[in-house]
C-alpha cells in the first residue's frame, strides 16, 4: 500500500466541500434535542459541587471558625448535596422534553433515510 496516497486522501477529505446529507441533518437534530439538557446538567452539577465543598470547608473549619460558621457550613453543605442529588432526575426530565420536541422531525428524517 502506498501510505503517501492514503495520507493525501485523508487530508483532501478535510478540505473537500461537505454535502448536507440527511444523515448529517439527523445528527444535528439529535444533538439539538440533547444539548440543552447536557449543558444544564454540567453547569448545575459543577455549581452544586462547589456549594457542597464550601459547606464542607465551613463545617470542618478550614475557612471560618466557631460554632456559628460550622452550623452555616452544615446547612450550605446539605443544600449543595441536595442539589447534586436532584441533578440526574432534572437531566432526565429535560432530555425527555428535548426528545419530545424534536421527535417528529427525527422520526420522519430517519424514515426517509431508511427507505432510500
N, C-alpha and C. Protein backbone atom coordinates (compact mmCIF):
# COMPACT_ATOMS: atom_id res chain seq x y z
N UNK A 1 0.82 -1.18 0.00
CA UNK A 1 0.00 0.00 0.00
C UNK A 1 0.87 1.25 0.00
N UNK A 2 0.39 2.23 -0.66
CA UNK A 2 1.10 3.48 -0.73
C UNK A 2 0.58 4.39 0.38
N UNK A 3 1.36 4.55 1.44
CA UNK A 3 0.91 5.34 2.59
C UNK A 3 0.81 6.83 2.26
N UNK A 4 1.63 7.29 1.32
CA UNK A 4 1.55 8.70 0.92
C UNK A 4 0.20 9.00 0.27
N UNK A 5 -0.28 8.05 -0.52
CA UNK A 5 -1.55 8.23 -1.20
C UNK A 5 -2.70 8.26 -0.18
N UNK A 6 -2.66 7.37 0.80
CA UNK A 6 -3.69 7.31 1.84
C UNK A 6 -3.67 8.60 2.65
N UNK A 7 -2.48 9.06 2.98
CA UNK A 7 -2.35 10.30 3.75
C UNK A 7 -2.89 11.50 2.98
N UNK A 8 -2.56 11.55 1.70
CA UNK A 8 -3.03 12.65 0.86
C UNK A 8 -4.55 12.63 0.75
N UNK A 9 -5.15 11.45 0.61
CA UNK A 9 -6.59 11.35 0.51
C UNK A 9 -7.28 11.77 1.82
N UNK A 10 -6.67 11.44 2.95
CA UNK A 10 -7.27 11.82 4.24
C UNK A 10 -7.23 13.33 4.43
N UNK A 11 -6.15 13.97 3.98
CA UNK A 11 -6.09 15.43 4.07
C UNK A 11 -7.07 16.06 3.10
N UNK A 12 -7.20 15.51 1.92
CA UNK A 12 -8.12 16.05 0.92
C UNK A 12 -9.56 15.98 1.40
N UNK A 13 -9.91 14.94 2.17
CA UNK A 13 -11.26 14.82 2.71
C UNK A 13 -11.60 15.97 3.65
N UNK A 14 -10.59 16.44 4.40
CA UNK A 14 -10.83 17.54 5.32
C UNK A 14 -11.18 18.83 4.60
N UNK A 15 -10.63 19.02 3.39
CA UNK A 15 -10.83 20.26 2.66
C UNK A 15 -11.92 20.16 1.59
N UNK A 16 -12.41 18.99 1.36
CA UNK A 16 -13.46 18.82 0.35
C UNK A 16 -14.77 19.41 0.88
N UNK A 17 -15.58 19.97 0.00
CA UNK A 17 -16.86 20.53 0.47
C UNK A 17 -17.77 19.42 1.00
N UNK A 18 -18.38 19.73 2.11
CA UNK A 18 -19.26 18.75 2.75
C UNK A 18 -20.67 18.90 2.17
N UNK A 19 -21.26 17.78 1.82
CA UNK A 19 -22.64 17.83 1.35
C UNK A 19 -23.57 17.69 2.55
N UNK A 20 -24.65 18.40 2.53
CA UNK A 20 -25.61 18.35 3.62
C UNK A 20 -26.56 17.18 3.40
N UNK A 21 -26.08 16.03 3.72
CA UNK A 21 -26.90 14.85 3.54
C UNK A 21 -27.91 14.72 4.69
N UNK A 22 -28.79 13.79 4.53
CA UNK A 22 -29.82 13.58 5.54
C UNK A 22 -29.25 13.01 6.83
N UNK A 23 -28.18 12.25 6.72
CA UNK A 23 -27.54 11.71 7.92
C UNK A 23 -26.99 12.84 8.78
N UNK A 24 -26.35 13.80 8.15
CA UNK A 24 -25.80 14.94 8.88
C UNK A 24 -26.94 15.73 9.52
N UNK A 25 -28.02 15.92 8.79
CA UNK A 25 -29.17 16.63 9.34
C UNK A 25 -29.77 15.88 10.53
N UNK A 26 -29.79 14.55 10.44
CA UNK A 26 -30.31 13.74 11.54
C UNK A 26 -29.42 13.87 12.77
N UNK A 27 -28.11 13.85 12.58
CA UNK A 27 -27.19 14.01 13.70
C UNK A 27 -27.33 15.38 14.34
N UNK A 28 -27.52 16.41 13.52
CA UNK A 28 -27.69 17.76 14.06
C UNK A 28 -28.98 17.88 14.86
N UNK A 29 -30.05 17.27 14.37
CA UNK A 29 -31.31 17.29 15.11
C UNK A 29 -31.18 16.55 16.44
N UNK A 30 -30.49 15.42 16.41
CA UNK A 30 -30.28 14.65 17.64
C UNK A 30 -29.48 15.47 18.65
N UNK A 31 -28.45 16.14 18.18
CA UNK A 31 -27.64 16.98 19.06
C UNK A 31 -28.45 18.16 19.58
N UNK A 32 -29.29 18.73 18.73
CA UNK A 32 -30.13 19.85 19.12
C UNK A 32 -31.12 19.44 20.21
N UNK A 33 -31.56 18.21 20.17
CA UNK A 33 -32.51 17.72 21.17
C UNK A 33 -31.83 17.47 22.51
N UNK A 34 -30.57 17.04 22.49
CA UNK A 34 -29.88 16.64 23.71
C UNK A 34 -29.03 17.74 24.34
N UNK A 35 -28.59 18.72 23.57
CA UNK A 35 -27.64 19.72 24.05
C UNK A 35 -28.12 20.55 25.24
N UNK A 36 -29.33 21.09 25.26
CA UNK A 36 -29.73 21.91 26.42
C UNK A 36 -29.69 21.15 27.74
N UNK A 37 -30.12 19.90 27.72
CA UNK A 37 -30.10 19.10 28.95
C UNK A 37 -28.67 18.84 29.40
N UNK A 38 -27.79 18.58 28.46
CA UNK A 38 -26.40 18.29 28.80
C UNK A 38 -25.70 19.53 29.37
N UNK A 39 -25.89 20.67 28.73
CA UNK A 39 -25.25 21.90 29.21
C UNK A 39 -25.76 22.26 30.60
N UNK A 40 -27.07 22.18 30.79
CA UNK A 40 -27.63 22.50 32.11
C UNK A 40 -27.08 21.55 33.17
N UNK A 41 -27.02 20.26 32.86
CA UNK A 41 -26.59 19.28 33.84
C UNK A 41 -25.15 19.51 34.28
N UNK A 42 -24.27 19.75 33.32
CA UNK A 42 -22.87 20.01 33.69
C UNK A 42 -22.75 21.29 34.51
N UNK A 43 -23.42 22.35 34.10
CA UNK A 43 -23.34 23.62 34.81
C UNK A 43 -23.90 23.50 36.22
N UNK A 44 -25.08 22.93 36.33
CA UNK A 44 -25.73 22.77 37.63
C UNK A 44 -24.93 21.84 38.54
N UNK A 45 -24.35 20.79 37.97
CA UNK A 45 -23.54 19.86 38.76
C UNK A 45 -22.28 20.50 39.30
N UNK A 46 -21.61 21.31 38.48
CA UNK A 46 -20.40 21.98 38.93
C UNK A 46 -20.72 22.98 40.03
N UNK A 47 -21.76 23.77 39.84
CA UNK A 47 -22.15 24.76 40.85
C UNK A 47 -22.57 24.06 42.15
N UNK A 48 -23.32 22.97 42.03
CA UNK A 48 -23.77 22.24 43.21
C UNK A 48 -22.60 21.66 44.00
N UNK A 49 -21.62 21.11 43.28
CA UNK A 49 -20.47 20.53 43.99
C UNK A 49 -19.61 21.62 44.63
N UNK A 50 -19.53 22.78 44.01
CA UNK A 50 -18.80 23.89 44.64
C UNK A 50 -19.51 24.37 45.91
N UNK A 51 -20.83 24.41 45.87
CA UNK A 51 -21.59 24.79 47.07
C UNK A 51 -21.39 23.75 48.17
N UNK A 52 -21.43 22.47 47.82
CA UNK A 52 -21.21 21.41 48.81
C UNK A 52 -19.79 21.51 49.39
N UNK A 53 -18.81 21.79 48.54
CA UNK A 53 -17.44 21.93 49.03
C UNK A 53 -17.28 23.12 49.96
N UNK A 54 -17.94 24.23 49.64
CA UNK A 54 -17.91 25.39 50.52
C UNK A 54 -18.50 25.03 51.88
N UNK A 55 -19.62 24.32 51.85
CA UNK A 55 -20.25 23.90 53.11
C UNK A 55 -19.36 22.99 53.93
N UNK A 56 -18.69 22.05 53.27
CA UNK A 56 -17.79 21.15 54.00
C UNK A 56 -16.60 21.91 54.58
N UNK A 57 -16.08 22.88 53.81
CA UNK A 57 -14.95 23.66 54.30
C UNK A 57 -15.34 24.49 55.52
N UNK A 58 -16.53 25.04 55.49
CA UNK A 58 -17.00 25.80 56.66
C UNK A 58 -17.27 24.87 57.84
N UNK A 59 -17.87 23.72 57.57
CA UNK A 59 -18.22 22.80 58.66
C UNK A 59 -16.97 22.23 59.33
N UNK A 60 -15.91 22.01 58.57
CA UNK A 60 -14.68 21.46 59.15
C UNK A 60 -13.73 22.56 59.61
N UNK A 61 -14.20 23.80 59.54
CA UNK A 61 -13.47 24.98 59.99
C UNK A 61 -12.14 25.17 59.27
N UNK A 62 -12.12 24.79 57.99
CA UNK A 62 -10.97 25.09 57.16
C UNK A 62 -10.98 26.58 56.86
N UNK A 63 -12.17 27.11 56.58
CA UNK A 63 -12.37 28.54 56.47
C UNK A 63 -13.41 28.90 57.54
N UNK A 64 -13.30 30.08 58.07
CA UNK A 64 -14.21 30.46 59.15
C UNK A 64 -13.79 29.78 60.44
N UNK A 65 -14.49 30.04 61.46
CA UNK A 65 -14.18 29.41 62.74
C UNK A 65 -15.32 29.63 63.71
N UNK A 66 -15.45 28.76 64.64
CA UNK A 66 -16.51 28.90 65.64
C UNK A 66 -17.73 28.07 65.28
N UNK A 67 -18.61 27.97 66.24
CA UNK A 67 -19.79 27.13 66.10
C UNK A 67 -20.78 27.70 65.09
N UNK A 68 -20.83 29.04 64.98
CA UNK A 68 -21.76 29.66 64.04
C UNK A 68 -21.42 29.26 62.61
N UNK A 69 -20.15 29.37 62.24
CA UNK A 69 -19.74 29.04 60.87
C UNK A 69 -19.84 27.54 60.59
N UNK A 70 -19.66 26.74 61.63
CA UNK A 70 -19.84 25.30 61.46
C UNK A 70 -21.30 24.98 61.14
N UNK A 71 -22.22 25.61 61.85
CA UNK A 71 -23.65 25.38 61.59
C UNK A 71 -24.04 25.89 60.20
N UNK A 72 -23.54 27.05 59.82
CA UNK A 72 -23.80 27.58 58.48
C UNK A 72 -23.23 26.63 57.43
N UNK A 73 -22.04 26.10 57.70
CA UNK A 73 -21.40 25.17 56.76
C UNK A 73 -22.20 23.90 56.58
N UNK A 74 -22.77 23.38 57.66
CA UNK A 74 -23.59 22.17 57.56
C UNK A 74 -24.82 22.45 56.72
N UNK A 75 -25.45 23.59 56.93
CA UNK A 75 -26.65 23.94 56.15
C UNK A 75 -26.29 24.11 54.68
N UNK A 76 -25.21 24.83 54.38
CA UNK A 76 -24.79 25.03 52.99
C UNK A 76 -24.42 23.69 52.35
N UNK A 77 -23.75 22.83 53.11
CA UNK A 77 -23.38 21.51 52.59
C UNK A 77 -24.59 20.67 52.25
N UNK A 78 -25.59 20.70 53.10
CA UNK A 78 -26.82 19.94 52.84
C UNK A 78 -27.50 20.46 51.57
N UNK A 79 -27.53 21.79 51.42
CA UNK A 79 -28.11 22.38 50.21
C UNK A 79 -27.34 21.92 48.98
N UNK A 80 -26.01 21.95 49.05
CA UNK A 80 -25.17 21.53 47.91
C UNK A 80 -25.37 20.06 47.56
N UNK A 81 -25.40 19.20 48.56
CA UNK A 81 -25.58 17.77 48.29
C UNK A 81 -26.99 17.47 47.78
N UNK A 82 -27.98 18.23 48.25
CA UNK A 82 -29.34 18.06 47.74
C UNK A 82 -29.41 18.42 46.26
N UNK A 83 -28.77 19.53 45.91
CA UNK A 83 -28.73 19.94 44.50
C UNK A 83 -28.02 18.89 43.65
N UNK A 84 -26.93 18.34 44.18
CA UNK A 84 -26.22 17.28 43.44
C UNK A 84 -27.11 16.05 43.23
N UNK A 85 -27.90 15.72 44.25
CA UNK A 85 -28.72 14.51 44.14
C UNK A 85 -29.91 14.67 43.19
N UNK A 86 -30.40 15.89 43.00
CA UNK A 86 -31.53 16.08 42.09
C UNK A 86 -31.08 16.39 40.66
N UNK A 87 -29.78 16.49 40.45
CA UNK A 87 -29.27 16.84 39.13
C UNK A 87 -29.66 15.80 38.07
N UNK A 88 -29.50 14.53 38.37
CA UNK A 88 -29.81 13.49 37.39
C UNK A 88 -31.30 13.43 37.05
N UNK A 89 -32.20 13.47 38.03
CA UNK A 89 -33.62 13.48 37.66
C UNK A 89 -34.00 14.71 36.81
N UNK A 90 -33.41 15.85 37.10
CA UNK A 90 -33.68 17.04 36.28
C UNK A 90 -33.18 16.81 34.86
N UNK A 91 -32.00 16.20 34.74
CA UNK A 91 -31.45 15.89 33.42
C UNK A 91 -32.38 14.98 32.63
N UNK A 92 -32.89 13.95 33.28
CA UNK A 92 -33.78 13.01 32.59
C UNK A 92 -35.05 13.71 32.10
N UNK A 93 -35.61 14.59 32.92
CA UNK A 93 -36.82 15.32 32.52
C UNK A 93 -36.53 16.25 31.35
N UNK A 94 -35.42 16.98 31.41
CA UNK A 94 -35.07 17.90 30.33
C UNK A 94 -34.79 17.13 29.04
N UNK A 95 -34.14 15.97 29.16
CA UNK A 95 -33.85 15.15 27.99
C UNK A 95 -35.14 14.64 27.34
N UNK A 96 -36.08 14.21 28.16
CA UNK A 96 -37.38 13.78 27.64
C UNK A 96 -38.09 14.90 26.90
N UNK A 97 -38.06 16.11 27.46
CA UNK A 97 -38.68 17.26 26.80
C UNK A 97 -38.02 17.56 25.46
N UNK A 98 -36.70 17.54 25.44
CA UNK A 98 -35.98 17.81 24.20
C UNK A 98 -36.26 16.77 23.15
N UNK A 99 -36.28 15.50 23.55
CA UNK A 99 -36.58 14.43 22.60
C UNK A 99 -38.02 14.53 22.10
N UNK A 100 -38.94 14.88 22.99
CA UNK A 100 -40.34 15.01 22.57
C UNK A 100 -40.51 16.18 21.60
N UNK A 101 -39.74 17.23 21.81
CA UNK A 101 -39.85 18.42 20.96
C UNK A 101 -39.42 18.12 19.52
N UNK A 102 -38.38 17.33 19.35
CA UNK A 102 -37.84 17.05 18.02
C UNK A 102 -38.15 15.64 17.53
N UNK A 103 -38.98 14.90 18.24
CA UNK A 103 -39.24 13.51 17.90
C UNK A 103 -39.84 13.35 16.51
N UNK A 104 -40.81 14.16 16.17
CA UNK A 104 -41.48 14.02 14.89
C UNK A 104 -40.50 14.23 13.74
N UNK A 105 -39.71 15.30 13.82
CA UNK A 105 -38.75 15.58 12.75
C UNK A 105 -37.71 14.48 12.62
N UNK A 106 -37.22 13.99 13.75
CA UNK A 106 -36.19 12.95 13.74
C UNK A 106 -36.74 11.66 13.15
N UNK A 107 -37.94 11.28 13.56
CA UNK A 107 -38.54 10.04 13.07
C UNK A 107 -38.81 10.13 11.56
N UNK A 108 -39.32 11.27 11.12
CA UNK A 108 -39.59 11.43 9.68
C UNK A 108 -38.30 11.37 8.86
N UNK A 109 -37.27 12.03 9.34
CA UNK A 109 -35.99 12.01 8.63
C UNK A 109 -35.38 10.62 8.65
N UNK A 110 -35.51 9.92 9.75
CA UNK A 110 -34.99 8.55 9.84
C UNK A 110 -35.73 7.62 8.89
N UNK A 111 -37.04 7.82 8.76
CA UNK A 111 -37.81 7.01 7.80
C UNK A 111 -37.36 7.28 6.36
N UNK A 112 -37.15 8.53 6.04
CA UNK A 112 -36.67 8.88 4.69
C UNK A 112 -35.33 8.23 4.39
N UNK A 113 -34.44 8.23 5.39
CA UNK A 113 -33.12 7.63 5.20
C UNK A 113 -33.24 6.12 5.04
N UNK A 114 -34.07 5.49 5.85
CA UNK A 114 -34.19 4.04 5.79
C UNK A 114 -34.90 3.55 4.54
N UNK A 115 -35.74 4.39 3.92
CA UNK A 115 -36.46 3.98 2.71
C UNK A 115 -35.62 4.13 1.46
N UNK A 116 -34.51 4.83 1.53
CA UNK A 116 -33.68 5.03 0.33
C UNK A 116 -32.90 3.79 -0.01
